Amino acid sequence: MKTTRGMKRRLVGTVLSDKMDKTVTIQVERLVQHTQFRKYMRRHAKFAAHDERNECGVGDRVMITESRPLSKNKRWRVSRILEKAVS
């Protein structure tokens, strides 16, 4: 019996905090349409992601990938930095 693994989820978000060692906090925004009024609303979620080399800074745009649990709150890894913040 051959088992295949599904595709891991990938999200794009902005780094909110890089104060922890090898961990960054990412905010992911999405647009959701209201069921009754059909207006688009912004919803956001925060994720703790593993940053192995401490490369991310506040304001960077990054892509995170789902992974196995790395700690109590970390279930994501930073796969790549899409855009560095202008400082």
PDB file of N, CA and C in Angstrom:
ATOM      1  N   MET A   1       0.838  -1.181   0.000  1.00  0.00           N
ATOM      2  CA  MET A   1       0.000   0.000   0.000  1.00  0.00           C
ATOM      3  C   MET A   1       0.881   1.241   0.000  1.00  0.00           C
ATOM      4  N   LYS A   2       0.699   2.052  -0.992  1.00  0.00           N
ATOM      5  CA  LYS A   2       1.502   3.254  -1.140  1.00  0.00           C
ATOM      6  C   LYS A   2       0.724   4.457  -0.609  1.00  0.00           C
ATOM      7  N   THR A   3       1.348   5.209   0.288  1.00  0.00           N
ATOM      8  CA  THR A   3       0.696   6.411   0.810  1.00  0.00           C
ATOM      9  C   THR A   3       1.407   7.634   0.271  1.00  0.00           C
ATOM     10  N   THR A   4       0.634   8.635  -0.063  1.00  0.00           N
ATOM     11  CA  THR A   4       1.213   9.887  -0.548  1.00  0.00           C
ATOM     12  C   THR A   4       0.837  10.997   0.413  1.00  0.00           C
ATOM     13  N   ARG A   5       1.725  11.918   0.564  1.00  0.00           N
ATOM     14  CA  ARG A   5       1.470  13.056   1.431  1.00  0.00           C
ATOM     15  C   ARG A   5       0.876  14.190   0.618  1.00  0.00           C
ATOM     16  N   GLY A   6      -0.031  14.916   1.222  1.00  0.00           N
ATOM     17  CA  GLY A   6      -0.668  16.032   0.545  1.00  0.00           C
ATOM     18  C   GLY A   6       0.258  17.238   0.484  1.00  0.00           C
ATOM     19  N   MET A   7      -0.178  18.229  -0.231  1.00  0.00           N
ATOM     20  CA  MET A   7       0.581  19.467  -0.339  1.00  0.00           C
ATOM     21  C   MET A   7       0.491  20.223   0.978  1.00  0.00           C
ATOM     22  N   LYS A   8       1.621  20.749   1.425  1.00  0.00           N
ATOM     23  CA  LYS A   8       1.631  21.548   2.643  1.00  0.00           C
ATOM     24  C   LYS A   8       1.110  22.948   2.321  1.00  0.00           C
ATOM     25  N   ARG A   9       0.369  23.525   3.269  1.00  0.00           N
ATOM     26  CA  ARG A   9      -0.181  24.854   3.046  1.00  0.00           C
ATOM     27  C   ARG A   9       0.929  25.886   3.040  1.00  0.00           C
ATOM     28  N   ARG A  10       0.774  26.905   2.209  1.00  0.00           N
ATOM     29  CA  ARG A  10       1.716  28.020   2.146  1.00  0.00           C
ATOM     30  C   ARG A  10       0.927  29.303   2.267  1.00  0.00           C
ATOM     31  N   LEU A  11       1.442  30.210   3.088  1.00  0.00           N
ATOM     32  CA  LEU A  11       0.790  31.497   3.292  1.00  0.00           C
ATOM     33  C   LEU A  11       1.819  32.605   3.156  1.00  0.00           C
ATOM     34  N   VAL A  12       1.360  33.774   2.743  1.00  0.00           N
ATOM     35  CA  VAL A  12       2.215  34.944   2.622  1.00  0.00           C
ATOM     36  C   VAL A  12       1.761  35.968   3.646  1.00  0.00           C
ATOM     37  N   GLY A  13       2.717  36.505   4.399  1.00  0.00           N
ATOM     38  CA  GLY A  13       2.366  37.468   5.428  1.00  0.00           C
ATOM     39  C   GLY A  13       3.499  38.418   5.737  1.00  0.00           C
ATOM     40  N   THR A  14       3.277  39.267   6.733  1.00  0.00           N
ATOM     41  CA  THR A  14       4.231  40.296   7.138  1.00  0.00           C
ATOM     42  C   THR A  14       4.746  39.979   8.536  1.00  0.00           C
ATOM     43  N   VAL A  15       6.037  40.191   8.747  1.00  0.00           N
ATOM     44  CA  VAL A  15       6.642  39.937  10.053  1.00  0.00           C
ATOM     45  C   VAL A  15       6.256  41.060  11.008  1.00  0.00           C
ATOM     46  N   LEU A  16       5.667  40.689  12.141  1.00  0.00           N
ATOM     47  CA  LEU A  16       5.290  41.663  13.165  1.00  0.00           C
ATOM     48  C   LEU A  16       6.353  41.784  14.244  1.00  0.00           C
ATOM     49  N   SER A  17       6.986  40.654  14.596  1.00  0.00           N
ATOM     50  CA  SER A  17       7.958  40.644  15.683  1.00  0.00           C
ATOM     51  C   SER A  17       9.071  39.647  15.381  1.00  0.00           C
ATOM     52  N   ASP A  18      10.310  40.055  15.695  1.00  0.00           N
ATOM     53  CA  ASP A  18      11.457  39.156  15.539  1.00  0.00           C
ATOM     54  C   ASP A  18      12.287  39.121  16.821  1.00  0.00           C
ATOM     55  N   LYS A  19      11.659  39.383  17.960  1.00  0.00           N
ATOM     56  CA  LYS A  19      12.377  39.497  19.227  1.00  0.00           C
ATOM     57  C   LYS A  19      12.790  38.158  19.810  1.00  0.00           C
ATOM     58  N   MET A  20      12.157  37.081  19.378  1.00  0.00           N
ATOM     59  CA  MET A  20      12.496  35.763  19.905  1.00  0.00           C
ATOM     60  C   MET A  20      13.646  35.156  19.104  1.00  0.00           C
ATOM     61  N   ASP A  21      14.338  34.192  19.704  1.00  0.00           N
ATOM     62  CA  ASP A  21      15.438  33.523  19.030  1.00  0.00           C
ATOM     63  C   ASP A  21      14.891  32.448  18.097  1.00  0.00           C
ATOM     64  N   LYS A  22      15.193  32.560  16.811  1.00  0.00           N
ATOM     65  CA  LYS A  22      14.787  31.619  15.771  1.00  0.00           C
ATOM     66  C   LYS A  22      13.272  31.520  15.594  1.00  0.00           C
ATOM     67  N   THR A  23      12.545  32.541  16.023  1.00  0.00           N
ATOM     68  CA  THR A  23      11.090  32.563  15.870  1.00  0.00           C
ATOM     69  C   THR A  23      10.644  33.963  15.473  1.00  0.00           C
ATOM     70  N   VAL A  24       9.713  34.029  14.537  1.00  0.00           N
ATOM     71  CA  VAL A  24       9.121  35.303  14.147  1.00  0.00           C
ATOM     72  C   VAL A  24       7.602  35.166  14.212  1.00  0.00           C
ATOM     73  N   THR A  25       6.935  36.295  14.434  1.00  0.00           N
ATOM     74  CA  THR A  25       5.478  36.331  14.430  1.00  0.00           C
ATOM     75  C   THR A  25       5.037  36.927  13.103  1.00  0.00           C
ATOM     76  N   ILE A  26       4.163  36.209  12.397  1.00  0.00           N
ATOM     77  CA  ILE A  26       3.715  36.599  11.067  1.00  0.00           C
ATOM     78  C   ILE A  26       2.229  36.928  11.115  1.00  0.00           C
ATOM     79  N   GLN A  27       1.841  38.024  10.448  1.00  0.00           N
ATOM     80  CA  GLN A  27       0.426  38.356  10.301  1.00  0.00           C
ATOM     81  C   GLN A  27       0.020  38.109   8.858  1.00  0.00           C
ATOM     82  N   VAL A  28      -1.008  37.279   8.684  1.00  0.00           N
ATOM     83  CA  VAL A  28      -1.506  36.933   7.352  1.00  0.00           C
ATOM     84  C   VAL A  28      -2.876  37.564   7.194  1.00  0.00           C
ATOM     85  N   GLU A  29      -3.046  38.344   6.121  1.00  0.00           N
ATOM     86  CA  GLU A  29      -4.330  38.990   5.845  1.00  0.00           C
ATOM     87  C   GLU A  29      -5.026  38.280   4.694  1.00  0.00           C
ATOM     88  N   ARG A  30      -6.364  38.244   4.789  1.00  0.00           N
ATOM     89  CA  ARG A  30      -7.151  37.676   3.701  1.00  0.00           C
ATOM     90  C   ARG A  30      -8.432  38.489   3.561  1.00  0.00           C
ATOM     91  N   LEU A  31      -9.022  38.448   2.393  1.00  0.00           N
ATOM     92  CA  LEU A  31     -10.279  39.138   2.135  1.00  0.00           C
ATOM     93  C   LEU A  31     -11.420  38.135   2.184  1.00  0.00           C
ATOM     94  N   VAL A  32     -12.468  38.477   2.940  1.00  0.00           N
ATOM     95  CA  VAL A  32     -13.630  37.614   3.077  1.00  0.00           C
ATOM     96  C   VAL A  32     -14.858  38.419   2.694  1.00  0.00           C
ATOM     97  N   GLN A  33     -15.718  37.808   1.903  1.00  0.00           N
ATOM     98  CA  GLN A  33     -16.932  38.509   1.494  1.00  0.00           C
ATOM     99  C   GLN A  33     -18.044  38.270   2.515  1.00  0.00           C
ATOM    100  N   HIS A  34     -18.684  39.345   2.940  1.00  0.00           N
ATOM    101  CA  HIS A  34     -19.798  39.243   3.879  1.00  0.00           C
ATOM    102  C   HIS A  34     -20.957  38.529   3.182  1.00  0.00           C
ATOM    103  N   THR A  35     -21.576  37.583   3.882  1.00  0.00           N
ATOM    104  CA  THR A  35     -22.614  36.768   3.241  1.00  0.00           C
ATOM    105  C   THR A  35     -23.862  37.559   2.869  1.00  0.00           C
ATOM    106  N   GLN A  36     -24.249  38.511   3.699  1.00  0.00           N
ATOM    107  CA  GLN A  36     -25.480  39.250   3.435  1.00  0.00           C
ATOM    108  C   GLN A  36     -25.248  40.503   2.596  1.00  0.00           C
ATOM    109  N   PHE A  37     -24.211  41.267   2.945  1.00  0.00           N
ATOM    110  CA  PHE A  37     -24.013  42.560   2.290  1.00  0.00           C
ATOM    111  C   PHE A  37     -23.039  42.524   1.115  1.00  0.00           C
ATOM    112  N   ARG A  38     -22.373  41.413   0.905  1.00  0.00           N
ATOM    113  CA  ARG A  38     -21.440  41.214  -0.226  1.00  0.00           C
ATOM    114  C   ARG A  38     -20.265  42.182  -0.223  1.00  0.00           C
ATOM    115  N   LYS A  39     -19.985  42.772   0.922  1.00  0.00           N
ATOM    116  CA  LYS A  39     -18.851  43.677   1.025  1.00  0.00           C
ATOM    117  C   LYS A  39     -17.636  42.854   1.451  1.00  0.00           C
ATOM    118  N   TYR A  40     -16.470  43.212   0.924  1.00  0.00           N
ATOM    119  CA  TYR A  40     -15.242  42.506   1.291  1.00  0.00           C
ATOM    120  C   TYR A  40     -14.656  43.105   2.565  1.00  0.00           C
ATOM    121  N   MET A  41     -14.317  42.213   3.502  1.00  0.00           N
ATOM    122  CA  MET A  41     -13.742  42.640   4.771  1.00  0.00           C
ATOM    123  C   MET A  41     -12.368  42.006   4.925  1.00  0.00           C
ATOM    124  N   ARG A  42     -11.480  42.700   5.628  1.00  0.00           N
ATOM    125  CA  ARG A  42     -10.152  42.167   5.890  1.00  0.00           C
ATOM    126  C   ARG A  42     -10.168  41.360   7.176  1.00  0.00           C
ATOM    127  N   ARG A  43      -9.621  40.166   7.117  1.00  0.00           N
ATOM    128  CA  ARG A  43      -9.447  39.327   8.294  1.00  0.00           C
ATOM    129  C   ARG A  43      -7.967  39.009   8.404  1.00  0.00           C
ATOM    130  N   HIS A  44      -7.462  38.930   9.620  1.00  0.00           N
ATOM    131  CA  HIS A  44      -6.049  38.602   9.777  1.00  0.00           C
ATOM    132  C   HIS A  44      -5.871  37.553  10.863  1.00  0.00           C
ATOM    133  N   ALA A  45      -4.770  36.834  10.743  1.00  0.00           N
ATOM    134  CA  ALA A  45      -4.410  35.804  11.722  1.00  0.00           C
ATOM    135  C   ALA A  45      -2.911  35.907  11.969  1.00  0.00           C
ATOM    136  N   LYS A  46      -2.493  35.586  13.198  1.00  0.00           N
ATOM    137  CA  LYS A  46      -1.073  35.628  13.542  1.00  0.00           C
ATOM    138  C   LYS A  46      -0.554  34.208  13.737  1.00  0.00           C
ATOM    139  N   PHE A  47       0.637  33.964  13.211  1.00  0.00           N
ATOM    140  CA  PHE A  47       1.271  32.659  13.322  1.00  0.00           C
ATOM    141  C   PHE A  47       2.697  32.835  13.831  1.00  0.00           C
ATOM    142  N   ALA A  48       3.145  31.884  14.639  1.00  0.00           N
ATOM    143  CA  ALA A  48       4.552  31.834  15.049  1.00  0.00           C
ATOM    144  C   ALA A  48       5.258  30.913  14.070  1.00  0.00           C
ATOM    145  N   ALA A  49       6.334  31.387  13.477  1.00  0.00           N
ATOM    146  CA  ALA A  49       7.054  30.614  12.463  1.00  0.00           C
ATOM    147  C   ALA A  49       8.525  30.490  12.835  1.00  0.00           C
ATOM    148  N   HIS A  50       9.119  29.370  12.434  1.00  0.00           N
ATOM    149  CA  HIS A  50      10.516  29.077  12.726  1.00  0.00           C
ATOM    150  C   HIS A  50      11.412  29.747  11.686  1.00  0.00           C
ATOM    151  N   ASP A  51      12.364  30.546  12.144  1.00  0.00           N
ATOM    152  CA  ASP A  51      13.331  31.234  11.282  1.00  0.00           C
ATOM    153  C   ASP A  51      14.719  30.762  11.706  1.00  0.00           C
ATOM    154  N   GLU A  52      15.233  29.742  11.049  1.00  0.00           N
ATOM    155  CA  GLU A  52      16.452  29.056  11.476  1.00  0.00           C
ATOM    156  C   GLU A  52      17.661  29.975  11.589  1.00  0.00           C
ATOM    157  N   ARG A  53      17.854  30.883  10.634  1.00  0.00           N
ATOM    158  CA  ARG A  53      19.065  31.716  10.622  1.00  0.00           C
ATOM    159  C   ARG A  53      18.825  33.139  11.114  1.00  0.00           C
ATOM    160  N   ASN A  54      17.675  33.408  11.710  1.00  0.00           N
ATOM    161  CA  ASN A  54      17.329  34.750  12.211  1.00  0.00           C
ATOM    162  C   ASN A  54      17.513  35.821  11.137  1.00  0.00           C
ATOM    163  N   GLU A  55      17.046  35.551   9.919  1.00  0.00           N
ATOM    164  CA  GLU A  55      17.216  36.475   8.798  1.00  0.00           C
ATOM    165  C   GLU A  55      16.097  37.511   8.706  1.00  0.00           C
ATOM    166  N   CYS A  56      14.927  37.198   9.224  1.00  0.00           N
ATOM    167  CA  CYS A  56      13.760  38.070   9.056  1.00  0.00           C
ATOM    168  C   CYS A  56      13.811  39.265   9.989  1.00  0.00           C
ATOM    169  N   GLY A  57      13.296  40.375   9.500  1.00  0.00           N
ATOM    170  CA  GLY A  57      13.171  41.585  10.299  1.00  0.00           C
ATOM    171  C   GLY A  57      11.730  42.075  10.268  1.00  0.00           C
ATOM    172  N   VAL A  58      11.410  42.988  11.150  1.00  0.00           N
ATOM    173  CA  VAL A  58      10.047  43.521  11.218  1.00  0.00           C
ATOM    174  C   VAL A  58       9.706  44.224   9.911  1.00  0.00           C
ATOM    175  N   GLY A  59       8.537  43.906   9.369  1.00  0.00           N
ATOM    176  CA  GLY A  59       8.088  44.523   8.124  1.00  0.00           C
ATOM    177  C   GLY A  59       8.392  43.715   6.877  1.00  0.00           C
ATOM    178  N   ASP A  60       9.207  42.670   6.987  1.00  0.00           N
ATOM    179  CA  ASP A  60       9.525  41.828   5.830  1.00  0.00           C
ATOM    180  C   ASP A  60       8.286  41.064   5.377  1.00  0.00           C
ATOM    181  N   ARG A  61       8.203  40.832   4.076  1.00  0.00           N
ATOM    182  CA  ARG A  61       7.125  40.015   3.513  1.00  0.00           C
ATOM    183  C   ARG A  61       7.706  38.624   3.292  1.00  0.00           C
ATOM    184  N   VAL A  62       7.104  37.605   3.893  1.00  0.00           N
ATOM    185  CA  VAL A  62       7.666  36.254   3.846  1.00  0.00           C
ATOM    186  C   VAL A  62       6.604  35.232   3.459  1.00  0.00           C
ATOM    187  N   MET A  63       7.089  34.083   2.995  1.00  0.00           N
ATOM    188  CA  MET A  63       6.224  32.949   2.728  1.00  0.00           C
ATOM    189  C   MET A  63       6.501  31.906   3.803  1.00  0.00           C
ATOM    190  N   ILE A  64       5.426  31.406   4.438  1.00  0.00           N
ATOM    191  CA  ILE A  64       5.595  30.383   5.461  1.00  0.00           C
ATOM    192  C   ILE A  64       4.945  29.085   4.987  1.00  0.00           C
ATOM    193  N   THR A  65       5.525  27.967   5.408  1.00  0.00           N
ATOM    194  CA  THR A  65       5.059  26.642   5.014  1.00  0.00           C
ATOM    195  C   THR A  65       4.703  25.841   6.253  1.00  0.00           C
ATOM    196  N   GLU A  66       3.646  25.097   6.174  1.00  0.00           N
ATOM    197  CA  GLU A  66       3.201  24.259   7.276  1.00  0.00           C
ATOM    198  C   GLU A  66       4.244  23.182   7.564  1.00  0.00           C
ATOM    199  N   SER A  67       4.425  22.856   8.854  1.00  0.00           N
ATOM    200  CA  SER A  67       5.392  21.815   9.213  1.00  0.00           C
ATOM    201  C   SER A  67       4.895  21.058  10.431  1.00  0.00           C
ATOM    202  N   ARG A  68       5.690  20.125  10.885  1.00  0.00           N
ATOM    203  CA  ARG A  68       5.346  19.383  12.095  1.00  0.00           C
ATOM    204  C   ARG A  68       5.435  20.340  13.284  1.00  0.00           C
ATOM    205  N   PRO A  69       4.831  20.014  14.415  1.00  0.00           N
ATOM    206  CA  PRO A  69       4.950  20.885  15.581  1.00  0.00           C
ATOM    207  C   PRO A  69       6.392  21.010  16.051  1.00  0.00           C
ATOM    208  N   LEU A  70       6.881  22.244  16.146  1.00  0.00           N
ATOM    209  CA  LEU A  70       8.256  22.490  16.571  1.00  0.00           C
ATOM    210  C   LEU A  70       8.313  22.911  18.030  1.00  0.00           C
ATOM    211  N   SER A  71       7.232  23.452  18.548  1.00  0.00           N
ATOM    212  CA  SER A  71       7.124  23.825  19.957  1.00  0.00           C
ATOM    213  C   SER A  71       5.635  23.925  20.279  1.00  0.00           C
ATOM    214  N   LYS A  72       5.320  24.513  21.419  1.00  0.00           N
ATOM    215  CA  LYS A  72       3.911  24.624  21.815  1.00  0.00           C
ATOM    216  C   LYS A  72       3.084  25.393  20.789  1.00  0.00           C
ATOM    217  N   ASN A  73       3.625  26.471  20.240  1.00  0.00           N
ATOM    218  CA  ASN A  73       2.868  27.325  19.318  1.00  0.00           C
ATOM    219  C   ASN A  73       3.373  27.299  17.879  1.00  0.00           C
ATOM    220  N   LYS A  74       4.567  26.786  17.631  1.00  0.00           N
ATOM    221  CA  LYS A  74       5.132  26.853  16.278  1.00  0.00           C
ATOM    222  C   LYS A  74       4.755  25.628  15.446  1.00  0.00           C
ATOM    223  N   ARG A  75       4.018  25.886  14.369  1.00  0.00           N
ATOM    224  CA  ARG A  75       3.675  24.841  13.402  1.00  0.00           C
ATOM    225  C   ARG A  75       3.993  25.278  11.970  1.00  0.00           C
ATOM    226  N   TRP A  76       4.763  26.327  11.826  1.00  0.00           N
ATOM    227  CA  TRP A  76       5.098  26.890  10.513  1.00  0.00           C
ATOM    228  C   TRP A  76       6.594  27.164  10.447  1.00  0.00           C
ATOM    229  N   ARG A  77       7.136  27.163   9.228  1.00  0.00           N
ATOM    230  CA  ARG A  77       8.531  27.516   8.973  1.00  0.00           C
ATOM    231  C   ARG A  77       8.572  28.622   7.922  1.00  0.00           C
ATOM    232  N   VAL A  78       9.538  29.505   8.039  1.00  0.00           N
ATOM    233  CA  VAL A  78       9.735  30.533   7.021  1.00  0.00           C
ATOM    234  C   VAL A  78      10.435  29.857   5.842  1.00  0.00           C
ATOM    235  N   SER A  79       9.763  29.783   4.705  1.00  0.00           N
ATOM    236  CA  SER A  79      10.369  29.117   3.545  1.00  0.00           C
ATOM    237  C   SER A  79      11.232  30.079   2.739  1.00  0.00           C
ATOM    238  N   ARG A  80      10.781  31.329   2.610  1.00  0.00           N
ATOM    239  CA  ARG A  80      11.628  32.322   1.932  1.00  0.00           C
ATOM    240  C   ARG A  80      11.145  33.741   2.221  1.00  0.00           C
ATOM    241  N   ILE A  81      12.074  34.666   2.073  1.00  0.00           N
ATOM    242  CA  ILE A  81      11.751  36.087   2.242  1.00  0.00           C
ATOM    243  C   ILE A  81      11.448  36.644   0.861  1.00  0.00           C
ATOM    244  N   LEU A  82      10.248  37.151   0.692  1.00  0.00           N
ATOM    245  CA  LEU A  82       9.839  37.674  -0.612  1.00  0.00           C
ATOM    246  C   LEU A  82      10.304  39.106  -0.817  1.00  0.00           C
ATOM    247  N   GLU A  83      10.262  39.906   0.265  1.00  0.00           N
ATOM    248  CA  GLU A  83      10.587  41.328   0.143  1.00  0.00           C
ATOM    249  C   GLU A  83      11.086  41.828   1.493  1.00  0.00           C
ATOM    250  N   LYS A  84      12.238  42.466   1.491  1.00  0.00           N
ATOM    251  CA  LYS A  84      12.787  43.021   2.733  1.00  0.00           C
ATOM    252  C   LYS A  84      12.141  44.379   2.989  1.00  0.00           C
ATOM    253  N   ALA A  85      11.981  44.705   4.262  1.00  0.00           N
ATOM    254  CA  ALA A  85      11.398  45.980   4.643  1.00  0.00           C
ATOM    255  C   ALA A  85      12.395  47.103   4.396  1.00  0.00           C
ATOM    256  N   VAL A  86      11.880  48.251   4.019  1.00  0.00           N
ATOM    257  CA  VAL A  86      12.726  49.421   3.790  1.00  0.00           C
ATOM    258  C   VAL A  86      12.946  50.094   5.144  1.00  0.00           C
ATOM    259  N   SER A  87      14.232  50.242   5.521  1.00  0.00           N
ATOM    260  CA  SER A  87      14.492  50.842   6.830  1.00  0.00           C
ATOM    261  C   SER A  87      15.327  52.097   6.735  1.00  0.00           C
TER     262      SER A  87
END
